[in-house]
PDB file of N, CA and C in Angstrom:
ATOM      1  N   MET A   1       2.690   6.950 -19.464  1.00  0.00           N
ATOM      2  CA  MET A   1       3.909   7.066 -18.705  1.00  0.00           C
ATOM      3  C   MET A   1       3.905   8.370 -17.917  1.00  0.00           C
ATOM      4  N   GLN A   2       2.879   8.567 -17.150  1.00  0.00           N
ATOM      5  CA  GLN A   2       2.752   9.797 -16.385  1.00  0.00           C
ATOM      6  C   GLN A   2       3.581   9.790 -15.107  1.00  0.00           C
ATOM      7  N   ASP A   3       3.813   8.617 -14.527  1.00  0.00           N
ATOM      8  CA  ASP A   3       4.491   8.551 -13.235  1.00  0.00           C
ATOM      9  C   ASP A   3       5.977   8.261 -13.332  1.00  0.00           C
ATOM     10  N   SER A   4       6.502   8.019 -14.528  1.00  0.00           N
ATOM     11  CA  SER A   4       7.921   7.711 -14.733  1.00  0.00           C
ATOM     12  C   SER A   4       8.350   6.454 -14.005  1.00  0.00           C
ATOM     13  N   GLU A   5       7.445   5.483 -13.916  1.00  0.00           N
ATOM     14  CA  GLU A   5       7.744   4.208 -13.283  1.00  0.00           C
ATOM     15  C   GLU A   5       7.315   3.072 -14.206  1.00  0.00           C
ATOM     16  N   ILE A   6       7.903   1.904 -13.968  1.00  0.00           N
ATOM     17  CA  ILE A   6       7.528   0.702 -14.695  1.00  0.00           C
ATOM     18  C   ILE A   6       7.299  -0.401 -13.672  1.00  0.00           C
ATOM     19  N   THR A   7       6.274  -1.234 -13.915  1.00  0.00           N
ATOM     20  CA  THR A   7       5.913  -2.296 -12.989  1.00  0.00           C
ATOM     21  C   THR A   7       5.896  -3.635 -13.696  1.00  0.00           C
ATOM     22  N   CYS A   8       6.478  -4.629 -13.048  1.00  0.00           N
ATOM     23  CA  CYS A   8       6.438  -6.010 -13.511  1.00  0.00           C
ATOM     24  C   CYS A   8       5.575  -6.794 -12.526  1.00  0.00           C
ATOM     25  N   PHE A   9       4.461  -7.330 -12.999  1.00  0.00           N
ATOM     26  CA  PHE A   9       3.615  -8.190 -12.179  1.00  0.00           C
ATOM     27  C   PHE A   9       4.095  -9.621 -12.370  1.00  0.00           C
ATOM     28  N   HIS A  10       4.234 -10.388 -11.271  1.00  0.00           N
ATOM     29  CA  HIS A  10       4.738 -11.748 -11.365  1.00  0.00           C
ATOM     30  C   HIS A  10       4.113 -12.617 -10.294  1.00  0.00           C
ATOM     31  N   ASP A  11       4.444 -13.895 -10.313  1.00  0.00           N
ATOM     32  CA  ASP A  11       3.893 -14.919  -9.430  1.00  0.00           C
ATOM     33  C   ASP A  11       2.380 -15.040  -9.640  1.00  0.00           C
ATOM     34  N   PRO A  12       1.972 -15.463 -10.850  1.00  0.00           N
ATOM     35  CA  PRO A  12       0.543 -15.558 -11.154  1.00  0.00           C
ATOM     36  C   PRO A  12      -0.163 -16.642 -10.333  1.00  0.00           C
ATOM     37  N   SER A  13      -1.431 -16.405 -10.082  1.00  0.00           N
ATOM     38  CA  SER A  13      -2.290 -17.374  -9.405  1.00  0.00           C
ATOM     39  C   SER A  13      -3.647 -17.352 -10.115  1.00  0.00           C
ATOM     40  N   PRO A  14      -4.540 -18.240  -9.779  1.00  0.00           N
ATOM     41  CA  PRO A  14      -5.869 -18.224 -10.411  1.00  0.00           C
ATOM     42  C   PRO A  14      -6.653 -16.930 -10.141  1.00  0.00           C
ATOM     43  N   HIS A  15      -6.250 -16.187  -9.112  1.00  0.00           N
ATOM     44  CA  HIS A  15      -6.964 -14.967  -8.734  1.00  0.00           C
ATOM     45  C   HIS A  15      -6.223 -13.689  -9.090  1.00  0.00           C
ATOM     46  N   GLY A  16      -5.151 -13.791  -9.851  1.00  0.00           N
ATOM     47  CA  GLY A  16      -4.352 -12.626 -10.232  1.00  0.00           C
ATOM     48  C   GLY A  16      -2.904 -12.819  -9.825  1.00  0.00           C
ATOM     49  N   TYR A  17      -2.152 -11.761  -9.917  1.00  0.00           N
ATOM     50  CA  TYR A  17      -0.726 -11.828  -9.576  1.00  0.00           C
ATOM     51  C   TYR A  17      -0.530 -11.621  -8.078  1.00  0.00           C
ATOM     52  N   ARG A  18       0.409 -12.360  -7.501  1.00  0.00           N
ATOM     53  CA  ARG A  18       0.685 -12.267  -6.065  1.00  0.00           C
ATOM     54  C   ARG A  18       1.763 -11.248  -5.735  1.00  0.00           C
ATOM     55  N   ALA A  19       2.546 -10.835  -6.732  1.00  0.00           N
ATOM     56  CA  ALA A  19       3.669  -9.938  -6.456  1.00  0.00           C
ATOM     57  C   ALA A  19       3.865  -8.964  -7.603  1.00  0.00           C
ATOM     58  N   ARG A  20       4.513  -7.866  -7.281  1.00  0.00           N
ATOM     59  CA  ARG A  20       4.881  -6.894  -8.313  1.00  0.00           C
ATOM     60  C   ARG A  20       6.137  -6.175  -7.868  1.00  0.00           C
ATOM     61  N   THR A  21       6.892  -5.717  -8.867  1.00  0.00           N
ATOM     62  CA  THR A  21       8.100  -4.944  -8.628  1.00  0.00           C
ATOM     63  C   THR A  21       7.986  -3.663  -9.438  1.00  0.00           C
ATOM     64  N   THR A  22       8.190  -2.531  -8.803  1.00  0.00           N
ATOM     65  CA  THR A  22       8.110  -1.237  -9.468  1.00  0.00           C
ATOM     66  C   THR A  22       9.413  -0.494  -9.263  1.00  0.00           C
ATOM     67  N   VAL A  23       9.936   0.069 -10.357  1.00  0.00           N
ATOM     68  CA  VAL A  23      11.137   0.905 -10.283  1.00  0.00           C
ATOM     69  C   VAL A  23      10.909   2.160 -11.106  1.00  0.00           C
ATOM     70  N   SER A  24      11.696   3.171 -10.858  1.00  0.00           N
ATOM     71  CA  SER A  24      11.677   4.387 -11.671  1.00  0.00           C
ATOM     72  C   SER A  24      12.377   4.119 -12.988  1.00  0.00           C
ATOM     73  N   PHE A  25      11.910   4.773 -14.067  1.00  0.00           N
ATOM     74  CA  PHE A  25      12.609   4.645 -15.335  1.00  0.00           C
ATOM     75  C   PHE A  25      14.056   5.069 -15.146  1.00  0.00           C
ATOM     76  N   GLY A  26      14.963   4.328 -15.764  1.00  0.00           N
ATOM     77  CA  GLY A  26      16.388   4.562 -15.619  1.00  0.00           C
ATOM     78  C   GLY A  26      17.049   3.544 -14.711  1.00  0.00           C
ATOM     79  N   GLU A  27      16.258   2.907 -13.827  1.00  0.00           N
ATOM     80  CA  GLU A  27      16.774   1.844 -12.961  1.00  0.00           C
ATOM     81  C   GLU A  27      16.485   0.503 -13.631  1.00  0.00           C
ATOM     82  N   PRO A  28      17.324  -0.503 -13.412  1.00  0.00           N
ATOM     83  CA  PRO A  28      17.032  -1.821 -13.980  1.00  0.00           C
ATOM     84  C   PRO A  28      15.836  -2.459 -13.276  1.00  0.00           C
ATOM     85  N   LEU A  29      14.985  -3.103 -14.051  1.00  0.00           N
ATOM     86  CA  LEU A  29      13.825  -3.819 -13.514  1.00  0.00           C
ATOM     87  C   LEU A  29      14.122  -5.309 -13.570  1.00  0.00           C
ATOM     88  N   ARG A  30      14.182  -5.941 -12.424  1.00  0.00           N
ATOM     89  CA  ARG A  30      14.488  -7.373 -12.357  1.00  0.00           C
ATOM     90  C   ARG A  30      13.259  -8.170 -12.791  1.00  0.00           C
ATOM     91  N   ILE A  31      13.422  -9.000 -13.821  1.00  0.00           N
ATOM     92  CA  ILE A  31      12.375  -9.891 -14.295  1.00  0.00           C
ATOM     93  C   ILE A  31      12.690 -11.269 -13.703  1.00  0.00           C
ATOM     94  N   PRO A  32      11.776 -11.813 -12.891  1.00  0.00           N
ATOM     95  CA  PRO A  32      12.080 -13.067 -12.202  1.00  0.00           C
ATOM     96  C   PRO A  32      12.049 -14.296 -13.124  1.00  0.00           C
ATOM     97  N   ALA A  33      12.434 -15.444 -12.553  1.00  0.00           N
ATOM     98  CA  ALA A  33      12.401 -16.725 -13.272  1.00  0.00           C
ATOM     99  C   ALA A  33      10.985 -16.959 -13.805  1.00  0.00           C
ATOM    100  N   PRO A  34      10.851 -17.561 -14.933  1.00  0.00           N
ATOM    101  CA  PRO A  34      11.828 -18.344 -15.671  1.00  0.00           C
ATOM    102  C   PRO A  34      12.715 -17.503 -16.596  1.00  0.00           C
ATOM    103  N   PHE A  35      12.470 -16.199 -16.687  1.00  0.00           N
ATOM    104  CA  PHE A  35      13.275 -15.346 -17.573  1.00  0.00           C
ATOM    105  C   PHE A  35      14.574 -14.925 -16.905  1.00  0.00           C
ATOM    106  N   ASP A  36      14.488 -14.434 -15.665  1.00  0.00           N
ATOM    107  CA  ASP A  36      15.633 -14.128 -14.812  1.00  0.00           C
ATOM    108  C   ASP A  36      16.665 -13.218 -15.481  1.00  0.00           C
ATOM    109  N   PHE A  37      16.271 -11.962 -15.671  1.00  0.00           N
ATOM    110  CA  PHE A  37      17.206 -10.973 -16.203  1.00  0.00           C
ATOM    111  C   PHE A  37      16.804  -9.582 -15.718  1.00  0.00           C
ATOM    112  N   ALA A  38      17.676  -8.625 -15.894  1.00  0.00           N
ATOM    113  CA  ALA A  38      17.409  -7.235 -15.538  1.00  0.00           C
ATOM    114  C   ALA A  38      17.089  -6.467 -16.823  1.00  0.00           C
ATOM    115  N   LEU A  39      15.936  -5.863 -16.878  1.00  0.00           N
ATOM    116  CA  LEU A  39      15.499  -5.078 -18.023  1.00  0.00           C
ATOM    117  C   LEU A  39      16.036  -3.655 -17.886  1.00  0.00           C
ATOM    118  N   ASP A  40      16.758  -3.194 -18.874  1.00  0.00           N
ATOM    119  CA  ASP A  40      17.295  -1.830 -18.887  1.00  0.00           C
ATOM    120  C   ASP A  40      16.145  -0.879 -19.213  1.00  0.00           C
ATOM    121  N   THR A  41      15.823   0.036 -18.305  1.00  0.00           N
ATOM    122  CA  THR A  41      14.707   0.956 -18.512  1.00  0.00           C
ATOM    123  C   THR A  41      15.153   2.373 -18.852  1.00  0.00           C
ATOM    124  N   ALA A  42      16.441   2.537 -19.105  1.00  0.00           N
ATOM    125  CA  ALA A  42      16.940   3.865 -19.492  1.00  0.00           C
ATOM    126  C   ALA A  42      16.457   4.198 -20.900  1.00  0.00           C
ATOM    127  N   PHE A  43      16.136   5.441 -21.136  1.00  0.00           N
ATOM    128  CA  PHE A  43      15.690   5.786 -22.475  1.00  0.00           C
ATOM    129  C   PHE A  43      16.857   6.257 -23.272  1.00  0.00           C
TER     130      PHE A  43
END
């Protein structure tokens, strides 16, 4: 956790993930469908 960020990789394909979302710790990280929720990243 050197950069104080968290990344969610999503939209998988046979060649890897097509998309990613990165936010700073403390901001909510949106987890896309089928889960569809905001992950609280505050410590």
